[in-house]
Amino acid sequence: MRVTSSSPESGESEDSLETSYGGDPLVMGFNSRYVLDFMKVAGDGNVRFHFKAPDAPGEFRTDKTSEGDREYNYRYIVMPVRS
Protein backbone atom coordinates (compact mmCIF):
# COMPACT_ATOMS: atom_id res chain seq x y z
CA MET A 1 0.00 0.00 0.00
CA ARG A 2 1.32 3.44 -0.86
CA VAL A 3 0.42 6.24 1.54
CA THR A 4 0.92 9.85 0.49
CA SER A 5 0.30 13.13 2.26
CA SER A 6 0.22 16.69 1.01
CA SER A 7 -0.27 19.92 2.94
CA PRO A 8 0.66 23.54 2.26
CA GLU A 9 2.18 23.83 5.76
CA SER A 10 4.12 20.53 5.82
CA GLY A 11 4.84 19.76 2.17
CA GLU A 12 4.54 16.29 0.66
CA SER A 13 5.40 12.84 1.94
CA GLU A 14 5.12 9.27 0.65
CA ASP A 15 5.63 5.88 2.27
CA SER A 16 4.99 2.27 1.28
CA LEU A 17 3.62 -0.41 3.60
CA GLU A 18 3.70 -4.14 3.01
CA THR A 19 0.17 -5.54 3.12
CA SER A 20 -2.04 -8.23 1.63
CA TYR A 21 -4.62 -7.06 -0.88
CA GLY A 22 -6.40 -9.07 -3.56
CA GLY A 23 -8.50 -6.51 -5.43
CA ASP A 24 -8.04 -4.05 -8.26
CA PRO A 25 -5.92 -0.95 -7.56
CA LEU A 26 -7.86 1.68 -5.63
CA VAL A 27 -7.12 5.35 -4.95
CA MET A 28 -8.82 7.04 -1.99
CA GLY A 29 -8.22 10.25 -0.08
CA PHE A 30 -8.92 10.89 3.60
CA ASN A 31 -8.49 13.89 5.83
CA SER A 32 -5.20 13.13 7.58
CA ARG A 33 -6.47 14.46 10.91
CA TYR A 34 -9.18 11.75 11.01
CA VAL A 35 -6.67 9.00 10.22
CA LEU A 36 -4.25 10.29 12.88
CA ASP A 37 -7.05 10.43 15.46
CA PHE A 38 -7.78 6.75 14.86
CA MET A 39 -4.12 5.72 14.87
CA LYS A 40 -3.55 7.44 18.24
CA VAL A 41 -6.28 5.27 19.78
CA ALA A 42 -5.30 2.12 17.86
CA GLY A 43 -1.80 2.06 19.34
CA ASP A 44 0.86 -0.22 17.93
CA GLY A 45 -1.30 -3.30 17.28
CA ASN A 46 -2.62 -4.57 13.97
CA VAL A 47 -4.91 -2.25 12.04
CA ARG A 48 -7.20 -3.36 9.22
CA PHE A 49 -8.55 -1.06 6.51
CA HIS A 50 -11.80 -2.09 4.80
CA PHE A 51 -12.82 -0.28 1.61
CA LYS A 52 -15.45 -0.94 -1.05
CA ALA A 53 -15.12 1.97 -3.46
CA PRO A 54 -13.30 5.32 -3.71
CA ASP A 55 -16.50 7.26 -2.93
CA ALA A 56 -17.78 4.98 -0.13
CA PRO A 57 -16.93 5.21 3.58
CA GLY A 58 -13.83 3.36 4.73
CA GLU A 59 -13.70 1.31 7.90
CA PHE A 60 -10.62 1.11 10.11
CA ARG A 61 -10.49 -1.68 12.72
CA THR A 62 -8.10 -2.91 15.35
CA ASP A 63 -7.69 -6.48 16.48
CA LYS A 64 -8.95 -7.14 19.99
CA THR A 65 -6.24 -6.20 22.46
CA SER A 66 -5.98 -6.51 26.23
CA GLU A 67 -4.77 -3.82 28.57
CA GLY A 68 -4.82 -4.86 32.20
CA ASP A 69 -8.24 -6.40 32.80
CA ARG A 70 -9.92 -4.67 29.82
CA GLU A 71 -10.25 -5.71 26.18
CA TYR A 72 -10.50 -3.17 23.38
CA ASN A 73 -11.63 -3.51 19.78
CA TYR A 74 -11.98 -0.23 17.88
CA ARG A 75 -14.03 0.41 14.76
CA TYR A 76 -13.85 3.76 12.98
CA ILE A 77 -15.83 4.87 9.93
CA VAL A 78 -14.42 7.72 7.84
CA MET A 79 -15.70 9.33 4.65
CA PRO A 80 -13.23 9.84 1.82
CA VAL A 81 -12.34 13.31 0.56
CA ARG A 82 -13.77 14.09 -2.84
CA SER A 83 -11.17 14.82 -5.46
C-alpha atoms as a PDB file:
ATOM      1  CA  MET A   1       0.000   0.000   0.000  1.00  0.00           C
ATOM      2  CA  ARG A   2       1.321   3.443  -0.863  1.00  0.00           C
ATOM      3  CA  VAL A   3       0.424   6.242   1.540  1.00  0.00           C
ATOM      4  CA  THR A   4       0.917   9.847   0.488  1.00  0.00           C
ATOM      5  CA  SER A   5       0.303  13.135   2.261  1.00  0.00           C
ATOM      6  CA  SER A   6       0.215  16.688   1.010  1.00  0.00           C
ATOM      7  CA  SER A   7      -0.268  19.919   2.941  1.00  0.00           C
ATOM      8  CA  PRO A   8       0.659  23.543   2.256  1.00  0.00           C
ATOM      9  CA  GLU A   9       2.178  23.832   5.761  1.00  0.00           C
ATOM     10  CA  SER A  10       4.124  20.534   5.825  1.00  0.00           C
ATOM     11  CA  GLY A  11       4.837  19.764   2.174  1.00  0.00           C
ATOM     12  CA  GLU A  12       4.537  16.294   0.656  1.00  0.00           C
ATOM     13  CA  SER A  13       5.400  12.839   1.939  1.00  0.00           C
ATOM     14  CA  GLU A  14       5.121   9.268   0.650  1.00  0.00           C
ATOM     15  CA  ASP A  15       5.632   5.878   2.265  1.00  0.00           C
ATOM     16  CA  SER A  16       4.986   2.266   1.277  1.00  0.00           C
ATOM     17  CA  LEU A  17       3.615  -0.406   3.602  1.00  0.00           C
ATOM     18  CA  GLU A  18       3.703  -4.137   3.014  1.00  0.00           C
ATOM     19  CA  THR A  19       0.171  -5.543   3.120  1.00  0.00           C
ATOM     20  CA  SER A  20      -2.042  -8.234   1.635  1.00  0.00           C
ATOM     21  CA  TYR A  21      -4.621  -7.056  -0.884  1.00  0.00           C
ATOM     22  CA  GLY A  22      -6.397  -9.066  -3.565  1.00  0.00           C
ATOM     23  CA  GLY A  23      -8.502  -6.509  -5.428  1.00  0.00           C
ATOM     24  CA  ASP A  24      -8.045  -4.052  -8.259  1.00  0.00           C
ATOM     25  CA  PRO A  25      -5.922  -0.954  -7.560  1.00  0.00           C
ATOM     26  CA  LEU A  26      -7.865   1.680  -5.633  1.00  0.00           C
ATOM     27  CA  VAL A  27      -7.116   5.351  -4.947  1.00  0.00           C
ATOM     28  CA  MET A  28      -8.821   7.035  -1.994  1.00  0.00           C
ATOM     29  CA  GLY A  29      -8.218  10.247  -0.078  1.00  0.00           C
ATOM     30  CA  PHE A  30      -8.917  10.886   3.602  1.00  0.00           C
ATOM     31  CA  ASN A  31      -8.489  13.892   5.835  1.00  0.00           C
ATOM     32  CA  SER A  32      -5.202  13.125   7.578  1.00  0.00           C
ATOM     33  CA  ARG A  33      -6.468  14.456  10.910  1.00  0.00           C
ATOM     34  CA  TYR A  34      -9.178  11.751  11.010  1.00  0.00           C
ATOM     35  CA  VAL A  35      -6.672   8.999  10.220  1.00  0.00           C
ATOM     36  CA  LEU A  36      -4.249  10.286  12.876  1.00  0.00           C
ATOM     37  CA  ASP A  37      -7.055  10.428  15.462  1.00  0.00           C
ATOM     38  CA  PHE A  38      -7.783   6.749  14.856  1.00  0.00           C
ATOM     39  CA  MET A  39      -4.123   5.715  14.873  1.00  0.00           C
ATOM     40  CA  LYS A  40      -3.553   7.442  18.235  1.00  0.00           C
ATOM     41  CA  VAL A  41      -6.279   5.266  19.776  1.00  0.00           C
ATOM     42  CA  ALA A  42      -5.305   2.121  17.857  1.00  0.00           C
ATOM     43  CA  GLY A  43      -1.804   2.062  19.339  1.00  0.00           C
ATOM     44  CA  ASP A  44       0.860  -0.224  17.931  1.00  0.00           C
ATOM     45  CA  GLY A  45      -1.299  -3.297  17.284  1.00  0.00           C
ATOM     46  CA  ASN A  46      -2.622  -4.572  13.974  1.00  0.00           C
ATOM     47  CA  VAL A  47      -4.911  -2.250  12.040  1.00  0.00           C
ATOM     48  CA  ARG A  48      -7.200  -3.359   9.223  1.00  0.00           C
ATOM     49  CA  PHE A  49      -8.553  -1.064   6.511  1.00  0.00           C
ATOM     50  CA  HIS A  50     -11.801  -2.090   4.802  1.00  0.00           C
ATOM     51  CA  PHE A  51     -12.818  -0.285   1.610  1.00  0.00           C
ATOM     52  CA  LYS A  52     -15.450  -0.938  -1.049  1.00  0.00           C
ATOM     53  CA  ALA A  53     -15.124   1.974  -3.464  1.00  0.00           C
ATOM     54  CA  PRO A  54     -13.298   5.321  -3.710  1.00  0.00           C
ATOM     55  CA  ASP A  55     -16.500   7.256  -2.931  1.00  0.00           C
ATOM     56  CA  ALA A  56     -17.778   4.977  -0.128  1.00  0.00           C
ATOM     57  CA  PRO A  57     -16.929   5.209   3.582  1.00  0.00           C
ATOM     58  CA  GLY A  58     -13.826   3.359   4.734  1.00  0.00           C
ATOM     59  CA  GLU A  59     -13.703   1.313   7.904  1.00  0.00           C
ATOM     60  CA  PHE A  60     -10.624   1.109  10.111  1.00  0.00           C
ATOM     61  CA  ARG A  61     -10.495  -1.675  12.716  1.00  0.00           C
ATOM     62  CA  THR A  62      -8.105  -2.912  15.354  1.00  0.00           C
ATOM     63  CA  ASP A  63      -7.690  -6.482  16.476  1.00  0.00           C
ATOM     64  CA  LYS A  64      -8.946  -7.136  19.991  1.00  0.00           C
ATOM     65  CA  THR A  65      -6.235  -6.201  22.464  1.00  0.00           C
ATOM     66  CA  SER A  66      -5.984  -6.510  26.230  1.00  0.00           C
ATOM     67  CA  GLU A  67      -4.770  -3.815  28.572  1.00  0.00           C
ATOM     68  CA  GLY A  68      -4.823  -4.862  32.196  1.00  0.00           C
ATOM     69  CA  ASP A  69      -8.241  -6.404  32.804  1.00  0.00           C
ATOM     70  CA  ARG A  70      -9.916  -4.673  29.817  1.00  0.00           C
ATOM     71  CA  GLU A  71     -10.251  -5.712  26.184  1.00  0.00           C
ATOM     72  CA  TYR A  72     -10.497  -3.175  23.379  1.00  0.00           C
ATOM     73  CA  ASN A  73     -11.632  -3.514  19.785  1.00  0.00           C
ATOM     74  CA  TYR A  74     -11.976  -0.230  17.885  1.00  0.00           C
ATOM     75  CA  ARG A  75     -14.034   0.407  14.756  1.00  0.00           C
ATOM     76  CA  TYR A  76     -13.852   3.764  12.985  1.00  0.00           C
ATOM     77  CA  ILE A  77     -15.829   4.868   9.926  1.00  0.00           C
ATOM     78  CA  VAL A  78     -14.416   7.718   7.843  1.00  0.00           C
ATOM     79  CA  MET A  79     -15.699   9.329   4.652  1.00  0.00           C
ATOM     80  CA  PRO A  80     -13.230   9.839   1.816  1.00  0.00           C
ATOM     81  CA  VAL A  81     -12.338  13.311   0.564  1.00  0.00           C
ATOM     82  CA  ARG A  82     -13.773  14.094  -2.840  1.00  0.00           C
ATOM     83  CA  SER A  83     -11.169  14.824  -5.462  1.00  0.00           C
END
